[in-house]
Amino acid sequence: RYLGIFGDEAAAMMASMCSAAGAEATLTGIERCRAAGMDELYLVPTSPDPDHLSELIDLIT
């Protein structure tokens, strides 16, 4: 739903490319980026639920 702002077809395409779902996958993705030398990372929400932001903050702090 969140990605629906881009239209149904684009939203479906982008959603299919999301590879990190859940806390463990998110932490693994962040660690892989760190190991590759990245010092900046943008996390893009795929849900309009503000509680997910709170969960992410708790996860990475």
C-alpha atoms as a PDB file:
ATOM      1  CA  ARG A   1       0.000   0.000   0.000  1.00  0.00           C
ATOM      2  CA  TYR A   2       2.732   2.476   0.922  1.00  0.00           C
ATOM      3  CA  LEU A   3       4.381   2.147  -2.481  1.00  0.00           C
ATOM      4  CA  GLY A   4       0.990   2.560  -4.181  1.00  0.00           C
ATOM      5  CA  ILE A   5       1.710   6.264  -4.553  1.00  0.00           C
ATOM      6  CA  PHE A   6       3.773   5.266  -7.598  1.00  0.00           C
ATOM      7  CA  GLY A   7       0.874   3.365  -9.213  1.00  0.00           C
ATOM      8  CA  ASP A   8      -0.064  -0.295  -8.948  1.00  0.00           C
ATOM      9  CA  GLU A   9       2.398  -1.637 -11.518  1.00  0.00           C
ATOM     10  CA  ALA A  10       5.409   0.266 -10.174  1.00  0.00           C
ATOM     11  CA  ALA A  11       4.439  -0.560  -6.583  1.00  0.00           C
ATOM     12  CA  ALA A  12       4.262  -4.280  -7.376  1.00  0.00           C
ATOM     13  CA  MET A  13       7.655  -4.152  -9.105  1.00  0.00           C
ATOM     14  CA  MET A  14       9.322  -2.292  -6.220  1.00  0.00           C
ATOM     15  CA  ALA A  15       7.719  -4.523  -3.584  1.00  0.00           C
ATOM     16  CA  SER A  16       9.031  -7.611  -5.376  1.00  0.00           C
ATOM     17  CA  MET A  17      12.557  -6.182  -5.098  1.00  0.00           C
ATOM     18  CA  CYS A  18      12.399  -5.752  -1.320  1.00  0.00           C
ATOM     19  CA  SER A  19      14.853  -8.287   0.020  1.00  0.00           C
ATOM     20  CA  ALA A  20      14.914  -7.530   3.742  1.00  0.00           C
ATOM     21  CA  ALA A  21      11.760  -8.308   5.662  1.00  0.00           C
ATOM     22  CA  GLY A  22      11.877  -8.574   9.417  1.00  0.00           C
ATOM     23  CA  ALA A  23      14.369  -7.703  12.100  1.00  0.00           C
ATOM     24  CA  GLU A  24      16.961 -10.403  11.366  1.00  0.00           C
ATOM     25  CA  ALA A  25      17.065  -9.672   7.626  1.00  0.00           C
ATOM     26  CA  THR A  26      17.311  -5.938   8.289  1.00  0.00           C
ATOM     27  CA  LEU A  27      20.249  -6.374  10.658  1.00  0.00           C
ATOM     28  CA  THR A  28      21.946  -8.740   8.207  1.00  0.00           C
ATOM     29  CA  GLY A  29      21.539  -6.218   5.389  1.00  0.00           C
ATOM     30  CA  ILE A  30      22.942  -3.407   7.514  1.00  0.00           C
ATOM     31  CA  GLU A  31      25.919  -5.551   8.528  1.00  0.00           C
ATOM     32  CA  ARG A  32      26.618  -6.528   4.905  1.00  0.00           C
ATOM     33  CA  CYS A  33      26.647  -2.865   3.926  1.00  0.00           C
ATOM     34  CA  ARG A  34      29.009  -2.067   6.799  1.00  0.00           C
ATOM     35  CA  ALA A  35      31.302  -4.946   5.805  1.00  0.00           C
ATOM     36  CA  ALA A  36      31.375  -3.613   2.240  1.00  0.00           C
ATOM     37  CA  GLY A  37      32.689  -0.303   3.557  1.00  0.00           C
ATOM     38  CA  MET A  38      29.507   1.731   3.395  1.00  0.00           C
ATOM     39  CA  ASP A  39      29.350   4.491   5.974  1.00  0.00           C
ATOM     40  CA  GLU A  40      25.915   5.789   5.012  1.00  0.00           C
ATOM     41  CA  LEU A  41      22.713   3.850   4.399  1.00  0.00           C
ATOM     42  CA  TYR A  42      19.167   4.946   3.618  1.00  0.00           C
ATOM     43  CA  LEU A  43      16.359   2.701   4.791  1.00  0.00           C
ATOM     44  CA  VAL A  44      13.135   3.225   2.853  1.00  0.00           C
ATOM     45  CA  PRO A  45       9.878   2.331   4.571  1.00  0.00           C
ATOM     46  CA  THR A  46       7.491  -0.041   2.868  1.00  0.00           C
ATOM     47  CA  SER A  47       4.695   0.544   5.350  1.00  0.00           C
ATOM     48  CA  PRO A  48       2.821   3.672   6.418  1.00  0.00           C
ATOM     49  CA  ASP A  49       2.674   2.384  10.012  1.00  0.00           C
ATOM     50  CA  PRO A  50       4.670   4.768  12.274  1.00  0.00           C
ATOM     51  CA  ASP A  51       5.193   1.936  14.774  1.00  0.00           C
ATOM     52  CA  HIS A  52       7.587   0.376  12.271  1.00  0.00           C
ATOM     53  CA  LEU A  53       9.880   3.381  12.625  1.00  0.00           C
ATOM     54  CA  SER A  54       9.917   2.929  16.400  1.00  0.00           C
ATOM     55  CA  GLU A  55      10.709  -0.767  15.934  1.00  0.00           C
ATOM     56  CA  LEU A  56      13.600   0.094  13.603  1.00  0.00           C
ATOM     57  CA  ILE A  57      15.011   2.620  16.068  1.00  0.00           C
ATOM     58  CA  ASP A  58      14.869   0.009  18.833  1.00  0.00           C
ATOM     59  CA  LEU A  59      16.524  -2.533  16.546  1.00  0.00           C
ATOM     60  CA  ILE A  60      19.533  -0.446  15.542  1.00  0.00           C
ATOM     61  CA  THR A  61      20.264   1.382  18.785  1.00  0.00           C
END
